[in-house]
Every structure is written in C-alpha cells, then in structure tokens.
Amino acid sequence: MSTRGLSGGGTITSAITFAKMGVKWKPLNHNGQSEAVLAVLRGDADILWITILEDAIKKAVEDPGFQETAKKMRKTTDYLNGRDTEKLMNNVMQSYQNYSPIVRELFGQDKK
C-alpha cells in the first residue's frame, strides 16, 4: 500500500486501523501525495490508502441512516475530500497567523 510517508497522518491512521482489524499490510512510504500516487501508477503498490479512507468516509456521511441520526441530533454534515479539507485547514491556520501579533502582545502584557 502506497502512503504519503511517516509525516502524513494517514500512514499512522493506516497502521492503527489495520492493526485493530487484524489486516496484514506492508506500507510503501513516500515523501508526499504525488510520490504515493506515482507508485500506484507505476505498479509499485496496489492501492493508495487515502483513496480507501476518503471513499469510506464519503459513503458513511452520505448514508441515509447516518443522515437521519445526524438530523435527530440536530447536526449537519458536509463531506470534504482530503484536498479540500487540507485547503480549508490551511486557510484557518493562516487566519490565526494574521492575529499572532495581538496574541503575542496579550501574553507579553500578561507577564508584567
């Protein structure tokens, strides 16, 4: 199985998930998503973990039973694939960076 490498959360998730499920697998770690995809295209690996995970999450979120349970709990659902989630999180983190001077000043004043 092709992975994005040990720095990717998906690889750690894979290891834990497969261990809990009793699945024997061999990770083929790479430096990032593009290398992992190329490994599958070249035939070095049979499958890409993130594809399995994204498909499973999408199916679960779109499941009518899941949707009904969420509705009963007064929760909304909105599926985002990995790429869109990464973009959203990068935007959120950047917005926090924009306020770092205010936070630094706050902590500086707290020490006085």
C-alpha atoms as a PDB file:
ATOM      1  CA  MET A   1       0.000   0.000   0.000  1.00  0.00           C
ATOM      2  CA  SER A   2       1.365   3.356  -1.042  1.00  0.00           C
ATOM      3  CA  THR A   3       1.427   6.018   1.684  1.00  0.00           C
ATOM      4  CA  ARG A   4       2.413   9.677   1.872  1.00  0.00           C
ATOM      5  CA  GLY A   5       5.153   8.789   4.325  1.00  0.00           C
ATOM      6  CA  LEU A   6       5.588   8.846   8.057  1.00  0.00           C
ATOM      7  CA  SER A   7       4.904  12.572   8.297  1.00  0.00           C
ATOM      8  CA  GLY A   8       1.388  12.048   6.933  1.00  0.00           C
ATOM      9  CA  GLY A   9      -1.353  11.341   9.431  1.00  0.00           C
ATOM     10  CA  GLY A  10      -2.856   8.838   7.006  1.00  0.00           C
ATOM     11  CA  THR A  11       0.073   6.481   7.415  1.00  0.00           C
ATOM     12  CA  ILE A  12      -0.295   6.445  11.184  1.00  0.00           C
ATOM     13  CA  THR A  13      -4.063   6.042  10.810  1.00  0.00           C
ATOM     14  CA  SER A  14      -3.468   3.133   8.439  1.00  0.00           C
ATOM     15  CA  ALA A  15      -1.162   1.360  10.846  1.00  0.00           C
ATOM     16  CA  ILE A  16      -3.584   1.687  13.752  1.00  0.00           C
ATOM     17  CA  THR A  17      -6.673   0.816  11.701  1.00  0.00           C
ATOM     18  CA  PHE A  18      -5.143  -2.238  10.093  1.00  0.00           C
ATOM     19  CA  ALA A  19      -3.686  -3.442  13.398  1.00  0.00           C
ATOM     20  CA  LYS A  20      -7.115  -3.208  15.043  1.00  0.00           C
ATOM     21  CA  MET A  21      -8.709  -5.008  12.088  1.00  0.00           C
ATOM     22  CA  GLY A  22      -6.027  -7.707  12.020  1.00  0.00           C
ATOM     23  CA  VAL A  23      -5.093  -6.834   8.434  1.00  0.00           C
ATOM     24  CA  LYS A  24      -1.554  -7.640   7.356  1.00  0.00           C
ATOM     25  CA  TRP A  25      -0.130  -4.967   5.094  1.00  0.00           C
ATOM     26  CA  LYS A  26       3.178  -3.542   4.000  1.00  0.00           C
ATOM     27  CA  PRO A  27       3.493   0.242   3.750  1.00  0.00           C
ATOM     28  CA  LEU A  28       5.410   1.756   0.861  1.00  0.00           C
ATOM     29  CA  ASN A  29       6.237   5.177   2.307  1.00  0.00           C
ATOM     30  CA  HIS A  30       6.916   8.192   0.100  1.00  0.00           C
ATOM     31  CA  ASN A  31       7.630  11.886   0.518  1.00  0.00           C
ATOM     32  CA  GLY A  32       4.170  13.251  -0.122  1.00  0.00           C
ATOM     33  CA  GLN A  33       0.976  12.552  -2.028  1.00  0.00           C
ATOM     34  CA  SER A  34       2.348  12.896  -5.560  1.00  0.00           C
ATOM     35  CA  GLU A  35       5.057  10.266  -4.985  1.00  0.00           C
ATOM     36  CA  ALA A  36       2.492   7.930  -3.417  1.00  0.00           C
ATOM     37  CA  VAL A  37       0.189   8.282  -6.433  1.00  0.00           C
ATOM     38  CA  LEU A  38       3.078   7.709  -8.844  1.00  0.00           C
ATOM     39  CA  ALA A  39       3.944   4.487  -7.020  1.00  0.00           C
ATOM     40  CA  VAL A  40       0.447   3.167  -7.717  1.00  0.00           C
ATOM     41  CA  LEU A  41       0.588   4.277 -11.358  1.00  0.00           C
ATOM     42  CA  ARG A  42       3.983   2.595 -11.827  1.00  0.00           C
ATOM     43  CA  GLY A  43       2.688  -0.599 -10.246  1.00  0.00           C
ATOM     44  CA  ASP A  44       4.980  -0.418  -7.209  1.00  0.00           C
ATOM     45  CA  ALA A  45       1.900  -0.505  -4.950  1.00  0.00           C
ATOM     46  CA  ASP A  46      -1.594  -1.885  -5.427  1.00  0.00           C
ATOM     47  CA  ILE A  47      -3.556   0.845  -3.731  1.00  0.00           C
ATOM     48  CA  LEU A  48      -3.335   4.262  -2.125  1.00  0.00           C
ATOM     49  CA  TRP A  49      -4.577   4.433   1.480  1.00  0.00           C
ATOM     50  CA  ILE A  50      -6.050   7.899   1.263  1.00  0.00           C
ATOM     51  CA  THR A  51      -8.356   6.746  -1.539  1.00  0.00           C
ATOM     52  CA  ILE A  52      -9.756   3.960   0.639  1.00  0.00           C
ATOM     53  CA  LEU A  53     -10.244   6.257   3.595  1.00  0.00           C
ATOM     54  CA  GLU A  54     -11.843   9.073   1.595  1.00  0.00           C
ATOM     55  CA  ASP A  55     -14.255   6.680  -0.128  1.00  0.00           C
ATOM     56  CA  ALA A  56     -15.271   5.086   3.178  1.00  0.00           C
ATOM     57  CA  ILE A  57     -15.860   8.432   4.876  1.00  0.00           C
ATOM     58  CA  LYS A  58     -17.834   9.780   1.906  1.00  0.00           C
ATOM     59  CA  LYS A  59     -20.073   6.695   1.853  1.00  0.00           C
ATOM     60  CA  ALA A  60     -20.615   6.903   5.612  1.00  0.00           C
ATOM     61  CA  VAL A  61     -21.510  10.604   5.541  1.00  0.00           C
ATOM     62  CA  GLU A  62     -23.902  10.096   2.619  1.00  0.00           C
ATOM     63  CA  ASP A  63     -25.551   7.027   4.187  1.00  0.00           C
ATOM     64  CA  PRO A  64     -29.287   7.685   4.791  1.00  0.00           C
ATOM     65  CA  GLY A  65     -29.085   6.135   8.285  1.00  0.00           C
ATOM     66  CA  PHE A  66     -26.195   8.398   9.207  1.00  0.00           C
ATOM     67  CA  GLN A  67     -28.017  11.422   7.809  1.00  0.00           C
ATOM     68  CA  GLU A  68     -31.167  10.534   9.793  1.00  0.00           C
ATOM     69  CA  THR A  69     -29.179  10.125  13.010  1.00  0.00           C
ATOM     70  CA  ALA A  70     -27.429  13.449  12.435  1.00  0.00           C
ATOM     71  CA  LYS A  71     -30.781  15.107  11.816  1.00  0.00           C
ATOM     72  CA  LYS A  72     -32.203  13.681  15.060  1.00  0.00           C
ATOM     73  CA  MET A  73     -29.168  15.044  16.884  1.00  0.00           C
ATOM     74  CA  ARG A  74     -29.739  18.424  15.214  1.00  0.00           C
ATOM     75  CA  LYS A  75     -26.336  18.205  13.485  1.00  0.00           C
ATOM     76  CA  THR A  76     -25.474  18.998   9.906  1.00  0.00           C
ATOM     77  CA  THR A  77     -22.988  17.124   7.762  1.00  0.00           C
ATOM     78  CA  ASP A  78     -20.820  18.331   4.927  1.00  0.00           C
ATOM     79  CA  TYR A  79     -18.301  15.981   3.322  1.00  0.00           C
ATOM     80  CA  LEU A  80     -14.957  17.375   2.200  1.00  0.00           C
ATOM     81  CA  ASN A  81     -12.354  15.247   0.469  1.00  0.00           C
ATOM     82  CA  GLY A  82      -8.742  15.300   1.638  1.00  0.00           C
ATOM     83  CA  ARG A  83      -7.596  18.013  -0.740  1.00  0.00           C
ATOM     84  CA  ASP A  84     -10.477  20.355   0.135  1.00  0.00           C
ATOM     85  CA  THR A  85     -10.020  19.665   3.850  1.00  0.00           C
ATOM     86  CA  GLU A  86      -6.324  20.498   3.573  1.00  0.00           C
ATOM     87  CA  LYS A  87      -7.138  23.789   1.806  1.00  0.00           C
ATOM     88  CA  LEU A  88      -9.709  24.680   4.454  1.00  0.00           C
ATOM     89  CA  MET A  89      -7.321  23.911   7.314  1.00  0.00           C
ATOM     90  CA  ASN A  90      -4.519  25.881   5.673  1.00  0.00           C
ATOM     91  CA  ASN A  91      -6.859  28.867   5.377  1.00  0.00           C
ATOM     92  CA  VAL A  92      -7.897  28.543   9.016  1.00  0.00           C
ATOM     93  CA  MET A  93      -4.299  28.310  10.186  1.00  0.00           C
ATOM     94  CA  GLN A  94      -3.319  31.299   8.050  1.00  0.00           C
ATOM     95  CA  SER A  95      -6.141  33.343   9.547  1.00  0.00           C
ATOM     96  CA  TYR A  96      -4.772  32.541  13.015  1.00  0.00           C
ATOM     97  CA  GLN A  97      -1.323  33.656  11.871  1.00  0.00           C
ATOM     98  CA  ASN A  98      -2.810  37.017  10.931  1.00  0.00           C
ATOM     99  CA  TYR A  99      -3.644  37.596  14.606  1.00  0.00           C
ATOM    100  CA  SER A 100      -0.343  36.401  16.087  1.00  0.00           C
ATOM    101  CA  PRO A 101       0.863  39.966  16.930  1.00  0.00           C
ATOM    102  CA  ILE A 102      -2.257  40.514  19.051  1.00  0.00           C
ATOM    103  CA  VAL A 103      -1.759  37.216  20.874  1.00  0.00           C
ATOM    104  CA  ARG A 104       1.958  37.894  21.436  1.00  0.00           C
ATOM    105  CA  GLU A 105       1.122  41.297  22.868  1.00  0.00           C
ATOM    106  CA  LEU A 106      -1.500  39.758  25.107  1.00  0.00           C
ATOM    107  CA  PHE A 107       0.961  37.253  26.522  1.00  0.00           C
ATOM    108  CA  GLY A 108       3.591  39.950  26.859  1.00  0.00           C
ATOM    109  CA  GLN A 109       1.199  42.063  28.915  1.00  0.00           C
ATOM    110  CA  ASP A 110       0.298  39.029  30.987  1.00  0.00           C
ATOM    111  CA  LYS A 111       3.931  38.740  32.187  1.00  0.00           C
ATOM    112  CA  LYS A 112       4.031  42.307  33.522  1.00  0.00           C
END
